[in-house]
Amino acid sequence: MVSDKSVKRVHIKIFGDVHGVGFRYNTFQTANAMKLTGWVKNITGGIEILAEGGEETLNKFIEWCKMGPSFANIDDLEVNWEEPTGEFDNFEVAY
């Protein structure tokens, strides 16, 4: 369990036209620029993201996820806040 109360964790699922538009790569780039940790991966019909970082930064990241890269078309976005674990050292594309 993470003892730093300033670290938060968010689990995001994004559905729509998000495959073949560079969504995972752009998420990877954006999350790293924001110094978040976690992962992004494809799921059936969408993208799944697990990210940890500061609450304000995660809220900005969620706002970015609502738009995604320029060719993405978001139909639905699910956001669930969870207890952080501190298990990640960086942000990566998971397969």
N, C-alpha and C. Protein backbone atom coordinates (compact mmCIF):
# COMPACT_ATOMS: atom_id res chain seq x y z
N MET A 1 0.83 -1.19 0.00
CA MET A 1 0.00 0.00 0.00
C MET A 1 0.87 1.25 0.00
N VAL A 2 0.46 2.25 -0.72
CA VAL A 2 1.21 3.49 -0.83
C VAL A 2 0.92 4.38 0.37
N SER A 3 1.96 4.92 0.98
CA SER A 3 1.76 5.77 2.15
C SER A 3 1.60 7.24 1.78
N ASP A 4 1.98 7.63 0.56
CA ASP A 4 1.87 9.01 0.13
C ASP A 4 0.42 9.30 -0.26
N LYS A 5 -0.26 10.08 0.57
CA LYS A 5 -1.70 10.36 0.35
C LYS A 5 -1.94 11.23 -0.88
N SER A 6 -0.89 11.88 -1.40
CA SER A 6 -1.07 12.73 -2.57
C SER A 6 -1.16 11.92 -3.87
N VAL A 7 -0.76 10.65 -3.82
CA VAL A 7 -0.83 9.80 -5.00
C VAL A 7 -2.23 9.19 -5.10
N LYS A 8 -2.81 9.28 -6.28
CA LYS A 8 -4.13 8.72 -6.55
C LYS A 8 -4.01 7.72 -7.70
N ARG A 9 -5.06 6.93 -7.89
CA ARG A 9 -5.07 5.92 -8.95
C ARG A 9 -6.41 5.99 -9.66
N VAL A 10 -6.37 5.95 -10.98
CA VAL A 10 -7.59 5.98 -11.76
C VAL A 10 -7.56 4.85 -12.79
N HIS A 11 -8.71 4.21 -12.95
CA HIS A 11 -8.90 3.13 -13.92
C HIS A 11 -9.88 3.67 -14.96
N ILE A 12 -9.44 3.74 -16.20
CA ILE A 12 -10.24 4.36 -17.27
C ILE A 12 -10.48 3.33 -18.37
N LYS A 13 -11.71 3.29 -18.87
CA LYS A 13 -12.04 2.51 -20.06
C LYS A 13 -12.67 3.46 -21.06
N ILE A 14 -12.16 3.40 -22.29
CA ILE A 14 -12.61 4.29 -23.35
C ILE A 14 -13.13 3.44 -24.49
N PHE A 15 -14.33 3.75 -24.95
CA PHE A 15 -14.96 2.99 -26.03
C PHE A 15 -15.29 3.89 -27.20
N GLY A 16 -15.22 3.34 -28.39
CA GLY A 16 -15.52 4.09 -29.61
C GLY A 16 -14.54 3.70 -30.70
N ASP A 17 -14.33 4.61 -31.64
CA ASP A 17 -13.36 4.39 -32.72
C ASP A 17 -11.99 4.80 -32.19
N VAL A 18 -11.35 3.88 -31.47
CA VAL A 18 -10.09 4.19 -30.81
C VAL A 18 -8.95 3.25 -31.23
N HIS A 19 -9.23 2.29 -32.10
CA HIS A 19 -8.20 1.39 -32.60
C HIS A 19 -7.72 1.88 -33.96
N GLY A 20 -6.42 1.78 -34.19
CA GLY A 20 -5.87 2.19 -35.48
C GLY A 20 -5.70 3.69 -35.63
N VAL A 21 -5.78 4.43 -34.54
CA VAL A 21 -5.65 5.89 -34.60
C VAL A 21 -4.50 6.40 -33.73
N GLY A 22 -3.67 5.47 -33.24
CA GLY A 22 -2.54 5.86 -32.41
C GLY A 22 -2.90 6.19 -30.97
N PHE A 23 -4.04 5.67 -30.51
CA PHE A 23 -4.49 6.02 -29.16
C PHE A 23 -3.52 5.55 -28.08
N ARG A 24 -3.08 4.30 -28.16
CA ARG A 24 -2.16 3.80 -27.13
C ARG A 24 -0.86 4.58 -27.12
N TYR A 25 -0.28 4.82 -28.30
CA TYR A 25 0.98 5.55 -28.38
C TYR A 25 0.81 6.98 -27.83
N ASN A 26 -0.26 7.66 -28.24
CA ASN A 26 -0.50 9.02 -27.76
C ASN A 26 -0.77 9.06 -26.26
N THR A 27 -1.46 8.04 -25.74
CA THR A 27 -1.68 7.95 -24.30
C THR A 27 -0.36 7.76 -23.58
N PHE A 28 0.48 6.89 -24.12
CA PHE A 28 1.82 6.65 -23.57
C PHE A 28 2.62 7.96 -23.52
N GLN A 29 2.62 8.69 -24.61
CA GLN A 29 3.37 9.95 -24.69
C GLN A 29 2.81 10.97 -23.69
N THR A 30 1.49 11.10 -23.64
CA THR A 30 0.84 12.08 -22.76
C THR A 30 1.09 11.73 -21.30
N ALA A 31 0.91 10.47 -20.94
CA ALA A 31 1.11 10.03 -19.55
C ALA A 31 2.55 10.25 -19.11
N ASN A 32 3.50 9.94 -19.98
CA ASN A 32 4.91 10.15 -19.63
C ASN A 32 5.23 11.63 -19.49
N ALA A 33 4.68 12.46 -20.35
CA ALA A 33 4.90 13.90 -20.25
C ALA A 33 4.34 14.44 -18.93
N MET A 34 3.26 13.82 -18.44
CA MET A 34 2.64 14.23 -17.17
C MET A 34 3.27 13.53 -15.97
N LYS A 35 4.26 12.66 -16.24
CA LYS A 35 4.96 11.92 -15.19
C LYS A 35 4.03 10.99 -14.40
N LEU A 36 3.09 10.36 -15.12
CA LEU A 36 2.21 9.37 -14.52
C LEU A 36 2.85 8.00 -14.65
N THR A 37 2.41 7.06 -13.84
CA THR A 37 2.84 5.68 -13.96
C THR A 37 1.62 4.81 -14.23
N GLY A 38 1.85 3.63 -14.81
CA GLY A 38 0.75 2.72 -15.10
C GLY A 38 0.88 2.11 -16.47
N TRP A 39 -0.25 1.88 -17.12
CA TRP A 39 -0.25 1.26 -18.44
C TRP A 39 -1.49 1.60 -19.24
N VAL A 40 -1.40 1.35 -20.53
CA VAL A 40 -2.53 1.46 -21.46
C VAL A 40 -2.51 0.21 -22.33
N LYS A 41 -3.70 -0.32 -22.62
CA LYS A 41 -3.77 -1.49 -23.51
C LYS A 41 -5.08 -1.50 -24.26
N ASN A 42 -5.09 -2.24 -25.38
CA ASN A 42 -6.32 -2.44 -26.14
C ASN A 42 -7.20 -3.45 -25.42
N ILE A 43 -8.49 -3.21 -25.47
CA ILE A 43 -9.48 -4.20 -25.05
C ILE A 43 -10.52 -4.28 -26.17
N THR A 44 -11.37 -5.26 -26.14
CA THR A 44 -12.40 -5.38 -27.17
C THR A 44 -13.27 -4.13 -27.18
N GLY A 45 -13.27 -3.45 -28.30
CA GLY A 45 -14.09 -2.26 -28.47
C GLY A 45 -13.55 -0.99 -27.84
N GLY A 46 -12.31 -1.07 -27.32
CA GLY A 46 -11.82 0.14 -26.68
C GLY A 46 -10.39 0.07 -26.18
N ILE A 47 -10.13 0.94 -25.23
CA ILE A 47 -8.82 1.10 -24.61
C ILE A 47 -9.01 1.07 -23.10
N GLU A 48 -8.08 0.45 -22.39
CA GLU A 48 -8.11 0.43 -20.93
C GLU A 48 -6.83 1.06 -20.41
N ILE A 49 -6.96 1.88 -19.37
CA ILE A 49 -5.82 2.60 -18.80
C ILE A 49 -5.88 2.47 -17.29
N LEU A 50 -4.72 2.25 -16.69
CA LEU A 50 -4.57 2.30 -15.24
C LEU A 50 -3.43 3.26 -14.98
N ALA A 51 -3.69 4.33 -14.25
CA ALA A 51 -2.67 5.36 -14.05
C ALA A 51 -2.63 5.82 -12.60
N GLU A 52 -1.42 6.14 -12.14
CA GLU A 52 -1.23 6.69 -10.81
C GLU A 52 -0.42 7.98 -10.91
N GLY A 53 -0.77 8.92 -10.03
CA GLY A 53 -0.08 10.20 -9.99
C GLY A 53 -0.85 11.16 -9.10
N GLY A 54 -0.52 12.42 -9.18
CA GLY A 54 -1.23 13.42 -8.40
C GLY A 54 -2.65 13.61 -8.91
N GLU A 55 -3.56 13.94 -8.00
CA GLU A 55 -4.98 14.06 -8.39
C GLU A 55 -5.21 15.11 -9.46
N GLU A 56 -4.58 16.27 -9.33
CA GLU A 56 -4.76 17.33 -10.33
C GLU A 56 -4.26 16.88 -11.69
N THR A 57 -3.11 16.22 -11.71
CA THR A 57 -2.55 15.72 -12.96
C THR A 57 -3.45 14.65 -13.56
N LEU A 58 -3.95 13.75 -12.73
CA LEU A 58 -4.86 12.71 -13.23
C LEU A 58 -6.14 13.31 -13.79
N ASN A 59 -6.65 14.35 -13.18
CA ASN A 59 -7.84 15.01 -13.72
C ASN A 59 -7.56 15.62 -15.08
N LYS A 60 -6.38 16.21 -15.27
CA LYS A 60 -5.99 16.75 -16.59
C LYS A 60 -5.85 15.61 -17.59
N PHE A 61 -5.30 14.49 -17.15
CA PHE A 61 -5.15 13.32 -18.01
C PHE A 61 -6.52 12.79 -18.45
N ILE A 62 -7.47 12.74 -17.53
CA ILE A 62 -8.83 12.29 -17.86
C ILE A 62 -9.44 13.21 -18.91
N GLU A 63 -9.23 14.51 -18.77
CA GLU A 63 -9.74 15.47 -19.77
C GLU A 63 -9.12 15.19 -21.13
N TRP A 64 -7.82 14.87 -21.16
CA TRP A 64 -7.18 14.52 -22.43
C TRP A 64 -7.81 13.24 -22.99
N CYS A 65 -8.07 12.28 -22.14
CA CYS A 65 -8.65 11.00 -22.58
C CYS A 65 -10.03 11.19 -23.21
N LYS A 66 -10.75 12.20 -22.80
CA LYS A 66 -12.08 12.46 -23.37
C LYS A 66 -12.00 12.84 -24.84
N MET A 67 -10.84 13.34 -25.27
CA MET A 67 -10.65 13.72 -26.68
C MET A 67 -9.76 12.71 -27.40
N GLY A 68 -8.65 12.33 -26.76
CA GLY A 68 -7.71 11.40 -27.37
C GLY A 68 -7.00 12.04 -28.56
N PRO A 69 -6.32 11.22 -29.36
CA PRO A 69 -5.65 11.74 -30.56
C PRO A 69 -6.68 12.21 -31.59
N SER A 70 -6.20 12.95 -32.57
CA SER A 70 -7.11 13.66 -33.49
C SER A 70 -8.09 12.77 -34.25
N PHE A 71 -7.73 11.53 -34.58
CA PHE A 71 -8.63 10.68 -35.36
C PHE A 71 -9.51 9.77 -34.51
N ALA A 72 -9.39 9.87 -33.21
CA ALA A 72 -10.23 9.05 -32.32
C ALA A 72 -11.63 9.62 -32.25
N ASN A 73 -12.59 8.74 -32.03
CA ASN A 73 -13.98 9.15 -31.84
C ASN A 73 -14.50 8.42 -30.60
N ILE A 74 -14.59 9.14 -29.49
CA ILE A 74 -14.96 8.57 -28.21
C ILE A 74 -16.48 8.48 -28.09
N ASP A 75 -17.00 7.28 -27.83
CA ASP A 75 -18.43 7.07 -27.60
C ASP A 75 -18.75 7.07 -26.11
N ASP A 76 -17.86 6.50 -25.31
CA ASP A 76 -18.11 6.37 -23.87
C ASP A 76 -16.78 6.32 -23.13
N LEU A 77 -16.76 6.89 -21.93
CA LEU A 77 -15.57 6.89 -21.10
C LEU A 77 -15.99 6.58 -19.68
N GLU A 78 -15.41 5.52 -19.10
CA GLU A 78 -15.69 5.14 -17.72
C GLU A 78 -14.48 5.47 -16.87
N VAL A 79 -14.70 6.17 -15.75
CA VAL A 79 -13.62 6.53 -14.84
C VAL A 79 -13.93 6.00 -13.46
N ASN A 80 -13.02 5.23 -12.91
CA ASN A 80 -13.17 4.70 -11.56
C ASN A 80 -11.91 5.00 -10.76
N TRP A 81 -12.09 5.68 -9.64
CA TRP A 81 -10.96 5.98 -8.75
C TRP A 81 -10.76 4.78 -7.84
N GLU A 82 -9.50 4.39 -7.66
CA GLU A 82 -9.15 3.23 -6.84
C GLU A 82 -8.04 3.62 -5.86
N GLU A 83 -7.76 2.72 -4.94
CA GLU A 83 -6.65 2.94 -4.01
C GLU A 83 -5.33 2.73 -4.74
N PRO A 84 -4.39 3.67 -4.64
CA PRO A 84 -3.10 3.49 -5.30
C PRO A 84 -2.29 2.37 -4.64
N THR A 85 -1.47 1.71 -5.45
CA THR A 85 -0.63 0.63 -4.94
C THR A 85 0.86 0.96 -5.03
N GLY A 86 1.22 1.91 -5.89
CA GLY A 86 2.63 2.24 -6.08
C GLY A 86 3.41 1.14 -6.78
N GLU A 87 2.72 0.26 -7.48
CA GLU A 87 3.37 -0.89 -8.11
C GLU A 87 4.12 -0.55 -9.40
N PHE A 88 3.91 0.63 -9.94
CA PHE A 88 4.51 0.98 -11.23
C PHE A 88 5.70 1.91 -11.06
N ASP A 89 6.71 1.70 -11.92
CA ASP A 89 7.88 2.58 -11.95
C ASP A 89 7.80 3.57 -13.11
N ASN A 90 6.97 3.24 -14.11
CA ASN A 90 6.85 4.10 -15.29
C ASN A 90 5.49 3.86 -15.92
N PHE A 91 5.26 4.45 -17.08
CA PHE A 91 4.02 4.24 -17.83
C PHE A 91 4.40 3.51 -19.10
N GLU A 92 3.65 2.46 -19.42
CA GLU A 92 3.99 1.65 -20.58
C GLU A 92 2.76 1.20 -21.34
N VAL A 93 3.00 0.72 -22.55
CA VAL A 93 1.95 0.09 -23.36
C VAL A 93 1.97 -1.38 -23.00
N ALA A 94 0.85 -1.89 -22.51
CA ALA A 94 0.74 -3.30 -22.13
C ALA A 94 0.08 -4.07 -23.28
N TYR A 95 0.44 -5.33 -23.38
CA TYR A 95 -0.13 -6.19 -24.43
C TYR A 95 -0.77 -7.40 -23.84
